[in-house]
Protein backbone atom coordinates (compact mmCIF):
# COMPACT_ATOMS: atom_id res chain seq x y z
CA MET A 1 30.14 9.24 -17.56
CA LYS A 2 30.09 9.67 -13.81
CA SER A 3 33.34 9.59 -11.85
CA PRO A 4 34.14 6.52 -9.75
CA VAL A 5 32.94 6.68 -6.17
CA VAL A 6 35.92 7.05 -3.86
CA SER A 7 36.42 6.80 -0.14
CA ALA A 8 35.67 10.12 1.55
CA VAL A 9 38.53 9.51 3.99
CA THR A 10 41.39 8.17 1.92
CA GLY A 11 40.36 9.28 -1.57
CA THR A 12 41.27 5.86 -2.90
CA VAL A 13 39.24 3.16 -4.60
CA ARG A 14 39.19 -0.18 -2.80
CA ARG A 15 38.44 -3.05 -5.11
CA LYS A 16 36.92 -6.31 -3.97
CA THR A 17 35.44 -9.24 -5.79
CA PHE A 18 31.73 -9.90 -5.34
CA VAL A 19 29.94 -13.02 -6.44
CA ALA A 20 26.53 -12.56 -8.05
CA ARG A 21 24.20 -14.45 -10.33
CA GLU A 22 25.20 -14.20 -13.96
CA ASP A 23 21.73 -13.19 -15.14
CA LEU A 24 21.64 -10.33 -12.62
CA LEU A 25 25.09 -9.12 -13.67
CA ASP A 26 24.03 -9.17 -17.32
CA ARG A 27 20.91 -7.15 -16.56
CA MET A 28 22.87 -4.71 -14.39
CA SER A 29 25.37 -4.21 -17.20
CA GLU A 30 22.53 -3.46 -19.62
CA LEU A 31 21.01 -1.05 -17.09
CA ALA A 32 24.34 0.73 -16.65
CA LYS A 33 24.69 1.15 -20.42
CA SER A 34 21.16 2.52 -20.73
CA GLN A 35 21.99 5.09 -18.02
CA GLY A 36 25.26 6.06 -19.65
CA CYS A 37 27.52 4.86 -16.85
CA SER A 38 29.74 1.91 -16.06
CA LEU A 39 28.79 -1.12 -14.01
CA PHE A 40 31.35 0.13 -11.45
CA ASP A 41 29.46 3.42 -11.12
CA LEU A 42 26.07 1.74 -10.84
CA VAL A 43 27.20 -0.72 -8.17
CA ASN A 44 28.74 2.07 -6.12
CA ASP A 45 25.52 4.10 -6.42
CA LEU A 46 23.62 1.11 -5.06
CA PHE A 47 26.05 0.78 -2.16
CA GLU A 48 25.60 4.46 -1.32
CA LEU A 49 21.81 4.17 -1.46
CA ALA A 50 21.89 1.12 0.81
CA LEU A 51 23.94 3.07 3.36
CA VAL A 52 21.62 6.09 3.17
CA ALA A 53 18.64 3.82 3.71
CA ASP A 54 20.36 2.17 6.67
CA ASN A 55 20.99 5.58 8.25
CA LEU A 56 17.22 6.15 8.04
CA ASN A 57 16.66 2.76 9.71
CA PHE A 58 15.20 1.43 6.45
CA SER A 59 16.34 -1.39 4.26
CA LEU A 60 16.85 -0.61 0.58
CA LYS A 61 14.08 -3.09 -0.14
CA ARG A 62 11.71 -1.18 2.13
CA VAL A 63 12.55 2.10 0.40
CA VAL A 64 11.71 0.58 -2.99
CA GLU A 65 8.52 -1.04 -1.67
CA GLU A 66 7.28 2.20 -0.10
CA ARG A 67 8.02 4.14 -3.29
CA LYS A 68 6.07 1.50 -5.16
CA VAL A 69 3.17 2.00 -2.75
CA LEU A 70 3.03 5.70 -3.62
CA GLU A 71 2.93 4.89 -7.31
CA MET A 72 0.19 2.31 -6.79
CA ALA A 73 -1.82 4.75 -4.67
CA LYS A 74 -1.47 7.41 -7.36
CA CYS A 75 -2.66 5.01 -10.06
CA ALA A 76 -5.55 3.92 -7.84
CA GLY A 77 -6.82 7.50 -7.59
CA PHE A 78 -5.58 8.33 -4.09
CA VAL A 79 -4.28 11.77 -3.14
CA LEU A 80 -2.22 12.78 -0.12
CA GLY A 81 -3.89 14.99 2.45
CA LEU A 82 -3.60 16.06 6.06
CA GLU A 83 -5.08 13.38 8.30
CA ARG A 84 -6.73 15.87 10.66
CA LEU A 85 -8.28 17.77 7.76
CA TRP A 86 -9.62 14.52 6.31
CA TYR A 87 -11.35 13.70 9.60
CA GLU A 88 -12.77 17.20 9.86
CA MET A 89 -14.19 17.01 6.34
CA ALA A 90 -15.75 13.64 7.23
CA ASP A 91 -17.41 15.22 10.27
CA ILE A 92 -18.79 18.07 8.14
CA ALA A 93 -20.17 15.63 5.55
CA TYR A 94 -21.67 13.51 8.33
CA LYS A 95 -23.55 16.50 9.74
CA THR A 96 -24.58 17.83 6.34
CA ASP A 97 -25.92 14.69 4.64
CA LYS A 98 -25.04 11.44 6.42
CA ALA A 99 -26.94 9.15 4.03
CA GLU A 100 -25.45 10.64 0.87
CA ALA A 101 -21.94 10.63 2.35
CA LEU A 102 -22.24 6.97 3.37
CA LYS A 103 -23.40 6.11 -0.15
CA SER A 104 -20.45 7.96 -1.68
CA TRP A 105 -17.97 6.04 0.49
CA ARG A 106 -19.65 2.73 -0.29
CA ASP A 107 -19.63 3.49 -4.02
CA SER A 108 -15.94 4.39 -3.77
CA GLY A 109 -15.25 1.03 -2.13
CA ILE A 110 -17.05 -0.75 -4.95
CA TRP A 111 -15.08 1.24 -7.53
CA PHE A 112 -11.77 0.55 -5.78
CA ALA A 113 -12.42 -3.20 -5.58
CA SER A 114 -13.49 -3.29 -9.22
CA ARG A 115 -9.89 -2.60 -10.23
CA TYR A 116 -9.01 -6.07 -8.92
CA VAL A 117 -11.94 -7.95 -10.44
CA THR A 118 -11.66 -9.11 -14.05
CA GLY A 119 -14.46 -9.61 -16.53
CA SER A 120 -13.86 -13.37 -16.49
CA GLY A 121 -15.11 -13.60 -12.93
CA SER A 122 -11.71 -14.40 -11.43
CA PHE A 123 -10.14 -11.88 -9.10
CA SER A 124 -6.96 -10.91 -7.35
CA PHE A 125 -8.30 -10.70 -3.82
CA ALA A 126 -4.86 -11.17 -2.28
CA GLN A 127 -3.51 -8.14 -4.16
CA PHE A 128 -6.56 -6.11 -3.15
CA ARG A 129 -5.99 -7.03 0.49
CA ASP A 130 -2.27 -6.27 0.40
CA ASP A 131 -2.74 -2.90 -1.31
CA LEU A 132 -5.54 -1.90 1.04
CA LEU A 133 -3.44 -2.74 4.09
CA VAL A 134 -0.60 -0.60 2.78
CA PHE A 135 -2.79 2.32 1.70
CA THR A 136 -4.52 2.50 5.09
CA TRP A 137 -1.46 3.73 6.95
CA ASN A 138 -3.57 5.92 9.26
CA ALA A 139 -4.88 2.79 11.04
CA PRO A 140 -2.32 1.40 13.52
CA GLU A 141 -4.21 -1.91 13.59
CA PHE A 142 -5.66 -3.40 10.42
CA ASP A 143 -6.15 -7.16 10.72
CA PHE A 144 -7.39 -8.74 7.49
CA ARG A 145 -7.54 -12.54 7.61
CA LEU A 146 -9.07 -15.39 5.65
CA VAL A 147 -9.63 -18.47 7.80
CA ASP A 148 -11.38 -21.57 6.41
CA GLY A 149 -13.22 -19.50 3.84
CA LYS A 150 -14.34 -16.88 6.36
CA LEU A 151 -13.09 -13.31 6.26
CA PHE A 152 -12.29 -11.42 9.46
CA VAL A 153 -11.53 -7.72 9.32
CA LYS A 154 -10.62 -5.55 12.30
CA VAL A 155 -9.58 -1.92 12.05
CA THR A 156 -8.78 0.24 15.05
CA SER A 157 -7.46 3.76 15.44
CA PRO A 158 -7.82 6.11 18.42
CA ARG A 159 -7.66 9.04 16.00
CA PHE A 160 -10.71 8.07 13.93
CA THR A 161 -13.74 10.25 14.53
CA GLU A 162 -17.18 8.65 14.71
CA ALA A 163 -18.00 9.96 11.24
CA TYR A 164 -14.76 8.74 9.67
CA THR A 165 -15.18 5.31 11.29
CA LEU A 166 -18.66 4.94 9.79
CA PHE A 167 -17.53 6.19 6.38
CA PHE A 168 -14.49 3.91 6.23
CA ALA A 169 -16.61 0.95 7.30
CA SER A 170 -19.01 1.78 4.45
CA PHE A 171 -16.02 1.87 2.06
CA LEU A 172 -14.83 -1.54 3.26
CA MET A 173 -18.25 -3.11 3.01
CA GLY A 174 -18.76 -1.77 -0.49
CA ALA A 175 -15.39 -3.17 -1.58
CA LEU A 176 -15.99 -6.58 -0.02
CA GLU A 177 -19.50 -6.79 -1.42
CA ARG A 178 -17.94 -6.27 -4.85
CA PHE A 179 -16.00 -9.47 -4.21
CA GLY A 180 -19.21 -11.28 -3.32
CA TYR A 181 -18.91 -11.24 0.47
CA GLN A 182 -21.93 -11.19 2.76
CA PHE A 183 -21.61 -9.98 6.33
CA GLY A 184 -22.51 -11.87 9.46
CA VAL A 185 -21.03 -9.68 12.17
CA LYS A 186 -20.81 -5.89 11.86
CA GLU A 187 -19.53 -4.07 14.92
CA ILE A 188 -18.81 -0.40 14.33
CA SER A 189 -18.11 2.22 16.96
CA ARG A 190 -15.79 5.19 17.09
CA GLY A 191 -12.29 4.05 16.19
CA ILE A 192 -13.25 0.37 15.88
CA ILE A 193 -14.51 -1.63 12.90
CA ARG A 194 -15.08 -5.37 13.03
CA LEU A 195 -16.51 -7.27 10.09
CA ASP A 196 -16.99 -11.03 9.69
CA ALA A 197 -18.06 -12.22 6.26
CA VAL A 198 -18.30 -15.19 3.91
CA ARG A 199 -18.48 -15.29 0.15
CA SER A 200 -21.91 -15.92 -1.30
CA SER A 201 -22.28 -19.11 -3.33
CA GLY A 202 -22.79 -17.05 -6.49
CA GLY A 203 -19.89 -14.66 -5.74
């Protein structure tokens, strides 16, 4: 069992009473037992983690959410890579075989969206949107809105190359087409993607 967490200055344990929901306390007690420590130890570990997160200008909730994002990205087939290298590889593919590269990105968008579409015809579009917004951390602006049944997407990044912009737009369109969207407006230029779409009646 781990030793109690003590004050680094005084070396003493200061005890205070905290009020918490009974169901949470019961679950925390079970968690402590499963980890081979006391509830006292577990609570102090959580306090320490909250302070570490605060020193990093994060909330503990944000730390957990961002760790969850990495797990989701891993399960979705994403890998981490250098942003500059990714853009350079996109430029090489663009020069080598633009049509085939665009098709590959579109097919990848369809595959990615398929993870959120069930065989029954229902879908979790909101989860798809939220995950995509989080995964696309290399775009400082990613506006993804549904207004009165119409979808408006705007992606901007000064770092996108022309090739990467076209490829990512192809990815987005493939994913949205998988959800049954048809495009009205498509404005694509280096670093800027704007798509307006509505769902087809059969989608």
